Protein backbone atom coordinates (compact mmCIF):
# COMPACT_ATOMS: atom_id res chain seq x y z
CA UNK A 1 -64.57 26.74 19.97
CA UNK A 2 -64.24 28.68 16.65
CA UNK A 3 -61.44 31.04 15.84
CA UNK A 4 -59.02 32.16 18.55
CA UNK A 5 -56.77 35.15 18.66
CA UNK A 6 -53.18 35.47 19.78
CA UNK A 7 -51.98 37.90 22.42
CA UNK A 8 -49.87 40.84 21.33
CA UNK A 9 -49.45 44.09 23.17
CA UNK A 10 -52.09 43.39 25.71
CA UNK A 11 -54.78 42.78 22.95
CA UNK A 12 -56.20 39.62 21.39
CA UNK A 13 -55.62 39.97 17.72
CA UNK A 14 -55.56 37.95 14.48
CA UNK A 15 -52.33 37.24 12.63
CA UNK A 16 -51.14 39.97 10.21
CA UNK A 17 -51.86 37.58 7.27
CA UNK A 18 -55.41 36.84 8.49
CA UNK A 19 -54.64 33.12 7.96
CA UNK A 20 -55.53 30.33 10.45
CA UNK A 21 -54.71 26.60 10.95
CA UNK A 22 -56.83 23.88 12.70
CA UNK A 23 -56.37 22.49 16.10
CA UNK A 24 -57.12 18.76 16.24
CA UNK A 25 -58.34 16.77 19.30
CA UNK A 26 -55.96 13.83 19.38
CA UNK A 27 -58.52 11.70 21.15
CA UNK A 28 -61.13 12.03 18.31
CA UNK A 29 -59.20 13.25 15.29
CA UNK A 30 -61.71 16.04 14.92
CA UNK A 31 -61.12 19.90 14.67
CA UNK A 32 -61.92 21.86 17.75
CA UNK A 33 -60.71 25.34 16.97
CA UNK A 34 -58.59 27.42 14.55
CA UNK A 35 -55.58 29.49 15.64
CA UNK A 36 -53.85 32.42 13.90
CA UNK A 37 -51.04 31.49 11.59
CA UNK A 38 -48.43 33.97 12.66
CA UNK A 39 -45.36 34.99 10.68
CA UNK A 40 -42.40 37.42 10.89
CA UNK A 41 -44.60 40.46 10.88
CA UNK A 42 -46.39 39.29 14.03
CA UNK A 43 -43.07 38.48 15.66
CA UNK A 44 -41.96 42.10 15.07
CA UNK A 45 -45.15 43.39 16.55
CA UNK A 46 -44.81 41.18 19.68
CA UNK A 47 -41.16 42.03 20.18
CA UNK A 48 -41.95 45.79 19.87
CA UNK A 49 -44.71 45.42 22.33
CA UNK A 50 -42.44 43.59 24.78
CA UNK A 51 -39.85 46.30 24.39
CA UNK A 52 -42.22 49.05 25.24
CA UNK A 53 -43.45 47.18 28.31
CA UNK A 54 -40.03 46.31 29.64
CA UNK A 55 -39.00 49.68 31.32
CA UNK A 56 -42.47 49.75 33.02
CA UNK A 57 -42.39 46.28 34.40
CA UNK A 58 -38.66 46.18 35.26
CA UNK A 59 -39.02 49.56 36.87
CA UNK A 60 -41.28 48.32 39.56
CA UNK A 61 -39.98 47.05 42.86
CA UNK A 62 -39.46 43.32 43.20
CA UNK A 63 -41.99 43.45 46.04
CA UNK A 64 -44.62 44.82 43.63
CA UNK A 65 -43.84 42.25 40.98
CA UNK A 66 -43.91 39.30 43.42
CA UNK A 67 -47.33 40.45 44.64
CA UNK A 68 -48.69 40.31 41.07
CA UNK A 69 -47.00 36.84 40.46
CA UNK A 70 -48.51 35.49 43.67
CA UNK A 71 -51.95 36.64 42.56
CA UNK A 72 -51.33 34.67 39.38
CA UNK A 73 -50.83 31.55 41.30
CA UNK A 74 -54.06 32.00 43.19
CA UNK A 75 -56.04 32.63 39.88
CA UNK A 76 -54.51 29.54 38.22
CA UNK A 77 -55.60 27.43 41.18
CA UNK A 78 -59.14 28.76 40.96
CA UNK A 79 -59.38 28.00 37.26
CA UNK A 80 -57.49 24.70 37.38
CA UNK A 81 -60.43 22.64 36.05
CA UNK A 82 -61.08 25.04 33.06
CA UNK A 83 -57.33 24.79 32.11
CA UNK A 84 -57.01 21.01 32.61
CA UNK A 85 -60.09 20.39 30.48
CA UNK A 86 -58.61 22.56 27.82
CA UNK A 87 -55.24 20.77 27.95
CA UNK A 88 -57.01 17.40 27.77
CA UNK A 89 -58.82 18.51 24.56
CA UNK A 90 -55.78 20.25 23.09
CA UNK A 91 -52.97 17.72 23.86
CA UNK A 92 -54.78 14.46 24.98
CA UNK A 93 -53.40 14.69 28.58
CA UNK A 94 -55.52 12.66 30.94
CA UNK A 95 -57.64 14.97 33.00
CA UNK A 96 -56.18 13.83 36.36
CA UNK A 97 -52.65 14.40 35.14
CA UNK A 98 -53.58 17.83 33.69
CA UNK A 99 -55.16 18.88 37.03
CA UNK A 100 -52.12 17.91 38.97
CA UNK A 101 -49.93 19.76 36.60
CA UNK A 102 -51.89 23.01 36.99
CA UNK A 103 -51.60 22.68 40.88
CA UNK A 104 -47.87 21.89 40.51
CA UNK A 105 -47.60 25.10 38.46
CA UNK A 106 -49.35 27.25 40.93
CA UNK A 107 -47.21 25.87 43.78
CA UNK A 108 -44.03 26.71 41.66
CA UNK A 109 -45.33 30.32 40.96
CA UNK A 110 -45.95 30.95 44.59
CA UNK A 111 -42.35 29.83 45.40
CA UNK A 112 -41.03 31.95 42.52
CA UNK A 113 -42.79 35.08 43.95
CA UNK A 114 -41.06 34.47 47.32
CA UNK A 115 -37.59 33.64 45.84
CA UNK A 116 -37.62 36.59 43.50
CA UNK A 117 -37.65 39.03 46.47
CA UNK A 118 -34.73 37.30 48.21
CA UNK A 119 -32.71 37.02 45.08
CA UNK A 120 -33.20 40.38 43.42
CA UNK A 121 -32.38 42.10 46.81
CA UNK A 122 -29.31 40.09 47.32
CA UNK A 123 -25.88 41.72 47.10
CA UNK A 124 -22.69 39.78 46.51
CA UNK A 125 -19.53 41.63 47.76
CA UNK A 126 -16.52 41.65 45.45
CA UNK A 127 -14.36 44.26 47.13
CA UNK A 128 -14.80 45.72 50.60
CA UNK A 129 -13.53 49.10 51.77
CA UNK A 130 -13.57 52.04 49.36
CA UNK A 131 -14.49 51.74 46.51
CA UNK A 132 -17.03 49.18 47.69
CA UNK A 133 -17.97 46.70 44.90
CA UNK A 134 -20.71 44.17 44.68
CA UNK A 135 -22.76 42.08 42.20
CA UNK A 136 -26.52 42.07 41.96
CA UNK A 137 -29.17 40.48 39.70
CA UNK A 138 -30.84 42.46 36.99
CA UNK A 139 -33.48 41.49 34.39
CA UNK A 140 -32.12 40.36 31.04
CA UNK A 141 -34.75 42.27 28.99
CA UNK A 142 -36.92 40.64 26.35
CA UNK A 143 -37.20 36.88 26.75
CA UNK A 144 -37.99 34.75 23.68
CA UNK A 145 -39.51 31.47 25.01
CA UNK A 146 -39.93 28.59 22.51
CA UNK A 147 -40.66 25.36 24.49
CA UNK A 148 -40.38 21.96 22.84
CA UNK A 149 -43.51 20.31 21.43
CA UNK A 150 -43.48 17.73 24.10
CA UNK A 151 -43.25 19.86 27.16
CA UNK A 152 -46.14 19.68 29.63
CA UNK A 153 -47.95 22.85 30.64
CA UNK A 154 -46.23 23.16 34.04
CA UNK A 155 -42.79 23.26 32.38
CA UNK A 156 -43.82 26.10 30.05
CA UNK A 157 -45.49 28.01 32.76
CA UNK A 158 -42.40 27.77 34.88
CA UNK A 159 -40.35 29.33 32.11
CA UNK A 160 -42.87 32.19 31.52
CA UNK A 161 -43.30 32.94 35.27
CA UNK A 162 -39.58 32.75 36.02
CA UNK A 163 -38.88 35.37 33.41
CA UNK A 164 -41.71 37.69 34.54
CA UNK A 165 -41.02 37.48 38.16
CA UNK A 166 -37.51 39.02 38.00
CA UNK A 167 -38.68 41.82 35.70
CA UNK A 168 -38.38 40.61 32.06
CA UNK A 169 -41.03 40.72 29.39
CA UNK A 170 -41.78 37.70 27.17
CA UNK A 171 -42.61 36.61 23.64
CA UNK A 172 -43.76 33.04 23.72
CA UNK A 173 -44.32 30.65 20.83
CA UNK A 174 -46.05 27.57 22.31
CA UNK A 175 -45.97 24.20 20.51
CA UNK A 176 -48.52 24.09 17.70
CA UNK A 177 -50.12 20.94 19.21
CA UNK A 178 -50.33 22.54 22.63
CA UNK A 179 -51.35 26.21 22.00
CA UNK A 180 -54.93 26.47 23.18
CA UNK A 181 -54.27 26.09 26.83
CA UNK A 182 -51.19 28.32 26.62
CA UNK A 183 -53.24 30.99 25.00
CA UNK A 184 -55.85 30.71 27.79
CA UNK A 185 -53.19 30.69 30.52
CA UNK A 186 -51.49 33.70 28.89
CA UNK A 187 -54.88 35.63 28.97
CA UNK A 188 -55.18 34.68 32.62
CA UNK A 189 -51.63 35.90 33.49
CA UNK A 190 -51.93 39.09 31.35
CA UNK A 191 -55.21 39.94 33.00
CA UNK A 192 -53.41 40.90 36.28
CA UNK A 193 -51.42 44.12 36.75
CA UNK A 194 -49.00 43.59 33.96
CA UNK A 195 -48.21 46.40 31.52
CA UNK A 196 -49.55 45.87 27.97
CA UNK A 197 -47.02 43.84 26.05
CA UNK A 198 -45.37 42.24 29.08
CA UNK A 199 -46.55 38.77 27.85
CA UNK A 200 -47.12 38.07 24.18
CA UNK A 201 -48.26 34.66 22.77
CA UNK A 202 -47.84 33.72 19.07
CA UNK A 203 -49.11 30.62 17.29
CA UNK A 204 -48.21 28.71 14.30
CA UNK A 205 -47.19 25.19 13.17
CA UNK A 206 -44.16 26.38 11.15
CA UNK A 207 -40.88 25.54 12.87
CA UNK A 208 -39.32 28.53 11.22
CA UNK A 209 -41.66 30.69 13.37
CA UNK A 210 -39.94 29.34 16.51
CA UNK A 211 -36.57 30.34 15.02
CA UNK A 212 -37.89 33.77 14.12
CA UNK A 213 -38.98 34.37 17.78
CA UNK A 214 -35.88 32.85 19.34
CA UNK A 215 -33.28 34.68 17.22
CA UNK A 216 -35.04 37.98 16.55
CA UNK A 217 -32.63 40.84 16.76
CA UNK A 218 -34.90 42.64 19.29
CA UNK A 219 -34.72 39.99 22.04
CA UNK A 220 -32.18 39.68 24.77
CA UNK A 221 -32.51 36.16 25.82
CA UNK A 222 -33.60 33.03 23.91
CA UNK A 223 -34.82 29.88 25.50
CA UNK A 224 -35.61 26.92 23.18
CA UNK A 225 -35.29 23.17 23.04
CA UNK A 226 -33.94 20.74 20.43
CA UNK A 227 -32.45 17.34 20.43
CA UNK A 228 -29.04 16.65 18.88
CA UNK A 229 -30.95 15.00 15.99
CA UNK A 230 -33.66 17.66 15.40
CA UNK A 231 -31.50 20.70 15.40
CA UNK A 232 -31.59 22.36 11.96
CA UNK A 233 -31.09 25.74 10.26
CA UNK A 234 -34.36 27.09 11.43
CA UNK A 235 -33.50 26.59 15.04
CA UNK A 236 -29.84 27.26 14.87
CA UNK A 237 -28.62 30.75 16.00
CA UNK A 238 -27.23 33.08 13.26
CA UNK A 239 -23.48 33.61 13.26
CA UNK A 240 -23.75 37.03 14.84
CA UNK A 241 -26.05 35.92 17.58
CA UNK A 242 -24.43 37.00 20.89
CA UNK A 243 -27.36 37.09 23.38
CA UNK A 244 -28.10 34.80 26.32
CA UNK A 245 -29.07 31.27 25.24
CA UNK A 246 -30.82 28.62 27.49
CA UNK A 247 -31.30 25.35 25.53
CA UNK A 248 -32.24 21.75 26.32
CA UNK A 249 -30.35 19.59 23.98
CA UNK A 250 -30.69 16.15 25.64
CA UNK A 251 -32.52 12.99 24.93
CA UNK A 252 -34.62 10.74 27.31
CA UNK A 253 -33.26 9.16 30.55
CA UNK A 254 -31.68 5.85 30.96
CA UNK A 255 -32.82 3.39 33.70
CA UNK A 256 -30.22 1.16 35.17
CA UNK A 257 -31.17 -1.96 37.17
CA UNK A 258 -28.55 -3.87 39.21
CA UNK A 259 -29.15 -7.43 40.40
CA UNK A 260 -29.77 -6.46 44.00
CA UNK A 261 -32.58 -3.94 43.32
CA UNK A 262 -36.07 -4.18 44.74
CA UNK A 263 -37.90 -5.33 41.63
CA UNK A 264 -41.38 -4.63 42.76
CA UNK A 265 -40.51 -0.97 43.40
CA UNK A 266 -38.30 -0.68 40.31
CA UNK A 267 -41.12 -2.05 38.01
CA UNK A 268 -43.77 0.23 39.47
CA UNK A 269 -41.62 3.35 39.20
CA UNK A 270 -40.25 2.39 35.72
CA UNK A 271 -43.63 1.73 34.18
CA UNK A 272 -45.21 4.89 35.51
CA UNK A 273 -42.25 7.03 34.38
CA UNK A 274 -41.88 5.50 30.93
CA UNK A 275 -45.47 5.68 29.93
CA UNK A 276 -46.60 8.87 31.71
CA UNK A 277 -47.87 11.53 29.29
CA UNK A 278 -47.94 8.67 26.69
CA UNK A 279 -44.14 8.62 26.91
CA UNK A 280 -43.84 11.85 24.87
CA UNK A 281 -42.17 14.12 27.51
CA UNK A 282 -38.45 14.55 27.23
CA UNK A 283 -36.62 13.21 30.24
CA UNK A 284 -38.73 10.14 30.56
CA UNK A 285 -36.94 6.84 30.60
CA UNK A 286 -37.19 4.67 27.43
CA UNK A 287 -34.13 2.47 27.66
CA UNK A 288 -33.74 -0.04 30.59
CA UNK A 289 -30.44 -1.63 31.22
CA UNK A 290 -30.92 -4.70 33.42
CA UNK A 291 -28.48 -7.16 34.92
CA UNK A 292 -28.79 -10.51 33.43
CA UNK A 293 -29.49 -12.31 36.75
CA UNK A 294 -32.74 -10.42 37.11
CA UNK A 295 -33.40 -9.66 33.40
CA UNK A 296 -36.18 -12.25 32.63
CA UNK A 297 -38.15 -11.56 35.89
CA UNK A 298 -37.86 -7.93 35.31
CA UNK A 299 -39.06 -8.09 31.79
CA UNK A 300 -41.99 -10.26 32.54
CA UNK A 301 -43.09 -8.00 35.46
CA UNK A 302 -42.63 -4.85 33.40
CA UNK A 303 -44.62 -6.17 30.35
CA UNK A 304 -47.49 -7.28 32.76
CA UNK A 305 -47.62 -3.90 34.48
CA UNK A 306 -47.61 -2.17 31.04
CA UNK A 307 -50.52 -4.28 29.85
CA UNK A 308 -52.51 -3.22 32.95
CA UNK A 309 -52.41 0.53 32.01
CA UNK A 310 -55.79 2.03 31.36
CA UNK A 311 -55.58 3.66 27.84
CA UNK A 312 -58.56 5.69 26.69
CA UNK A 313 -60.53 8.90 26.84
CA UNK A 314 -58.37 11.66 28.45
CA UNK A 315 -61.59 13.23 29.75
CA UNK A 316 -62.16 10.09 31.98
CA UNK A 317 -60.79 10.16 35.52
CA UNK A 318 -59.95 6.50 35.23
CA UNK A 319 -57.70 7.09 32.21
CA UNK A 320 -53.97 6.58 32.95
CA UNK A 321 -52.64 7.18 29.39
CA UNK A 322 -54.24 9.18 26.53
CA UNK A 323 -53.57 9.35 22.85
CA UNK A 324 -50.40 10.43 21.04
CA UNK A 325 -50.33 14.07 20.12
CA UNK A 326 -51.07 13.88 16.39
CA UNK A 327 -51.60 11.57 13.36
CA UNK A 328 -48.16 12.31 12.21
CA UNK A 329 -46.51 11.30 15.55
CA UNK A 330 -48.54 8.01 15.70
CA UNK A 331 -47.18 7.30 12.19
CA UNK A 332 -43.65 7.79 13.35
CA UNK A 333 -44.11 5.70 16.48
CA UNK A 334 -45.69 2.79 14.38
CA UNK A 335 -42.64 2.94 12.01
CA UNK A 336 -40.46 2.92 15.15
CA UNK A 337 -42.15 -0.19 16.46
CA UNK A 338 -42.08 -1.94 13.12
CA UNK A 339 -38.36 -1.21 12.76
CA UNK A 340 -37.72 -2.69 16.17
CA UNK A 341 -39.53 -5.93 15.03
CA UNK A 342 -37.47 -6.05 11.79
CA UNK A 343 -34.19 -5.82 13.76
CA UNK A 344 -34.98 -8.68 15.95
CA UNK A 345 -36.39 -7.15 19.10
CA UNK A 346 -39.00 -9.34 20.88
CA UNK A 347 -42.37 -7.58 21.58
CA UNK A 348 -43.61 -8.48 24.97
CA UNK A 349 -46.63 -6.31 25.19
CA UNK A 350 -48.65 -3.70 23.28
CA UNK A 351 -47.57 -1.80 20.30
CA UNK A 352 -50.95 -1.99 18.40
CA UNK A 353 -53.45 0.62 17.80
CA UNK A 354 -56.23 0.99 20.34
CA UNK A 355 -59.55 2.12 18.97
CA UNK A 356 -62.01 2.70 21.69
CA UNK A 357 -65.66 2.45 20.30
CA UNK A 358 -66.43 6.13 20.84
CA UNK A 359 -62.88 7.31 19.92
CA UNK A 360 -62.09 5.24 16.88
CA UNK A 361 -60.53 8.13 15.06
CA UNK A 362 -58.16 9.00 17.89
CA UNK A 363 -54.40 8.61 17.86
CA UNK A 364 -54.11 5.77 20.43
CA UNK A 365 -51.36 3.18 20.72
CA UNK A 366 -51.02 0.64 23.52
CA UNK A 367 -47.80 1.03 25.57
CA UNK A 368 -45.13 -1.35 23.98
CA UNK A 369 -42.34 -3.32 25.70
CA UNK A 370 -39.41 -4.85 23.73
CA UNK A 371 -36.99 -7.37 25.12
CA UNK A 372 -33.87 -8.80 23.55
CA UNK A 373 -32.79 -5.32 22.41
CA UNK A 374 -29.10 -4.90 21.56
CA UNK A 375 -27.08 -1.64 21.64
CA UNK A 376 -26.82 -1.54 17.86
CA UNK A 377 -30.63 -1.37 17.30
CA UNK A 378 -32.13 1.96 16.41
CA UNK A 379 -34.42 1.91 19.41
CA UNK A 380 -31.36 1.65 21.70
CA UNK A 381 -29.90 4.85 20.31
CA UNK A 382 -32.72 6.93 18.99
CA UNK A 383 -35.65 8.50 20.83
CA UNK A 384 -39.09 9.09 19.24
CA UNK A 385 -40.77 10.23 22.52
CA UNK A 386 -43.48 7.70 22.64
CA UNK A 387 -44.94 4.93 24.93
CA UNK A 388 -42.25 2.32 23.84
CA UNK A 389 -39.73 0.84 26.35
CA UNK A 390 -36.80 -1.33 25.39
CA UNK A 391 -34.97 -3.66 27.75
CA UNK A 392 -31.33 -4.45 27.21
CA UNK A 393 -29.47 -7.30 29.00
CA UNK A 394 -26.30 -6.40 30.68
CA UNK A 395 -23.93 -9.27 31.85
CA UNK A 396 -21.97 -7.67 34.68
CA UNK A 397 -22.28 -4.95 37.36
CA UNK A 398 -18.96 -3.43 35.97
CA UNK A 399 -20.70 -2.92 32.53
CA UNK A 400 -23.68 -1.38 34.15
CA UNK A 401 -21.54 1.15 36.05
CA UNK A 402 -19.64 1.91 32.82
CA UNK A 403 -22.93 2.49 30.89
CA UNK A 404 -23.99 5.10 33.48
CA UNK A 405 -21.30 7.38 32.07
CA UNK A 406 -21.47 6.71 28.41
CA UNK A 407 -24.60 8.58 27.25
CA UNK A 408 -23.72 12.23 27.55
CA UNK A 409 -26.75 13.29 25.37
CA UNK A 410 -29.10 11.99 27.97
CA UNK A 411 -30.75 14.39 30.44
CA UNK A 412 -30.19 12.03 33.33
CA UNK A 413 -30.48 8.53 34.69
CA UNK A 414 -32.26 6.42 37.27
CA UNK A 415 -30.04 3.95 38.95
CA UNK A 416 -31.35 1.14 41.18
CA UNK A 417 -29.19 -0.81 43.67
CA UNK A 418 -29.07 -1.50 47.37
CA UNK A 419 -25.25 -1.41 47.44
CA UNK A 420 -23.65 1.71 48.92
CA UNK A 421 -20.44 0.97 47.06
CA UNK A 422 -22.10 0.84 43.68
CA UNK A 423 -24.15 3.87 44.39
CA UNK A 424 -20.85 5.87 45.19
CA UNK A 425 -19.18 4.62 42.01
CA UNK A 426 -22.21 5.52 39.87
CA UNK A 427 -22.42 8.94 41.33
CA UNK A 428 -18.76 9.68 40.31
CA UNK A 429 -19.25 8.04 36.93
CA UNK A 430 -22.31 10.05 35.76
CA UNK A 431 -21.96 12.55 32.92
CA UNK A 432 -25.68 13.29 32.47
CA UNK A 433 -27.80 16.04 34.13
CA UNK A 434 -30.02 14.40 36.83
CA UNK A 435 -29.13 11.37 38.73
CA UNK A 436 -31.76 9.40 40.71
CA UNK A 437 -30.56 6.66 43.04
CA UNK A 438 -33.48 4.25 43.73
CA UNK A 439 -36.04 6.80 42.56
CA UNK A 440 -37.12 8.41 39.29
CA UNK A 441 -38.43 11.82 38.13
CA UNK A 442 -38.24 13.48 41.48
CA UNK A 443 -37.34 17.10 40.81
CA UNK A 444 -36.50 19.88 43.29
CA UNK A 445 -36.80 23.55 42.80
CA UNK A 446 -33.82 23.99 45.03
CA UNK A 447 -31.42 21.55 43.32
CA UNK A 448 -30.16 21.92 39.83
CA UNK A 449 -27.35 19.94 38.21
CA UNK A 450 -25.98 21.06 34.96
CA UNK A 451 -24.00 19.08 32.40
CA UNK A 452 -21.37 21.25 30.56
CA UNK A 453 -21.11 19.16 27.41
CA UNK A 454 -24.30 19.70 25.29
CA UNK A 455 -26.68 21.35 27.73
CA UNK A 456 -26.14 25.05 27.84
CA UNK A 457 -29.14 25.66 30.21
CA UNK A 458 -31.19 22.66 31.42
CA UNK A 459 -34.95 22.79 30.88
CA UNK A 460 -36.89 21.34 33.80
CA UNK A 461 -40.08 22.15 35.64
CA UNK A 462 -38.27 24.37 38.08
CA UNK A 463 -35.99 26.44 36.05
CA UNK A 464 -33.97 28.82 38.42
CA UNK A 465 -34.88 32.43 38.34
CA UNK A 466 -31.11 33.24 37.66
CA UNK A 467 -31.53 31.89 34.11
CA UNK A 468 -33.57 34.96 33.31
CA UNK A 469 -31.13 37.53 34.89
CA UNK A 470 -27.76 38.97 34.36
CA UNK A 471 -25.25 40.23 36.89
CA UNK A 472 -24.43 43.89 37.29
CA UNK A 473 -21.16 45.03 38.94
CA UNK A 474 -21.61 48.13 40.99
CA UNK A 475 -18.63 50.00 42.48
CA UNK A 476 -19.22 52.79 45.02
CA UNK A 477 -16.71 55.38 46.14
CA UNK A 478 -17.71 55.38 49.88
CA UNK A 479 -15.36 58.31 50.62
CA UNK A 480 -17.32 60.60 48.18
CA UNK A 481 -20.70 59.33 49.54
CA UNK A 482 -19.71 59.93 53.17
CA UNK A 483 -18.49 63.39 52.23
CA UNK A 484 -21.84 64.21 50.51
CA UNK A 485 -23.73 62.83 53.54
CA UNK A 486 -21.77 65.08 55.95
CA UNK A 487 -22.40 68.03 53.75
CA UNK A 488 -26.18 67.38 53.94
CA UNK A 489 -26.01 67.05 57.67
CA UNK A 490 -24.18 70.32 58.16
CA UNK A 491 -26.78 72.10 56.18
């Protein structure tokens, strides 16, 4: 594929430094392209371009913007195969998952185009009579978007399109291991009737680059993601940072199984959710809390189902799980598995490297399942975002209910029971973001539940448009307006 360019000010350009870095196909371990190694100078150029484009794009009517956004959805659908193949090469996503993700993105974009019209035209009365006061949504301005390394394409596109729909302009720093497909998607979106600089995409593996984008003094809104463990100085806002923040600061989900649950359905959903996207996406379940009465049966069924997952070439339609994202990530995962063994967890399935004959340099690891995990073990408290599931035995329903409210850092939980009484108690107990009762990973663009503890703004595939707006208070002296209208009529 050769050298690629970044997108700044409507043009495809190299980094100011002229330096590049390699893009590695995680299925083969081979270099497939080189991307510009951007730095602060490139961030300045991108922010300046976005600032110039903002009055043009925000000055258009919402109807005009929504027409452009709807056209983007149609083009993404038409080029779904091209984008899916690129994501499969770039990130190791199985081709069938990548394709469904593109179609999900296009569907969201169409809904965003429609919702933008209704939302931006809405007026919320504050005071009736004269003066008449109301609130209305307005664009934030320049949005800095720095998605996490493990975010699927549809999550990132949802962020970008949500910001553009309501009149903002964007500077995007995609994950370094997931940049090719975002650059191509950026080119497709920018190719429509957007002013030059409305969408800018920068690349680079340096974590500091993400901080430089998110906390640039020229941006009005910063959306980024970090866990409670991975936050550091490069992704922490400066002391004088006073702009809008939207962060995802959670871990993976917990999965709670009561003794009356339908185990066939629980196992099928749990295995799919835990090992989807090689277990790398935040929000997937990794810790399974199971009542002791059904623990052994659940663990045996879960391990057998995990063993049956087809791991291999992501370009093959039959593949259910591809490689890990990088050699460095596989090394972390293998250390995680070894630590679990040393601490006494019992490996029921997988955990070893998988070396398909034609892909023997790829970063493949079979999905691993551990039993006899205790709450003090590292894998019960720390997430590495990988295809490893740990199963903990819980001795009573009361303890399971108590557990559903203990992990405030989690993004949510999936709870399985046929008891209406338990379901009601769990609903009241939950402290996390999303709660699924007898289901898992079902997200709705119309439903959003926030936790007010560590999540300032939840990141999910259907981020509300409101996240990229601010409210303006308008107060009108109706007496003066009516007098002016009467004067015009008399003339």
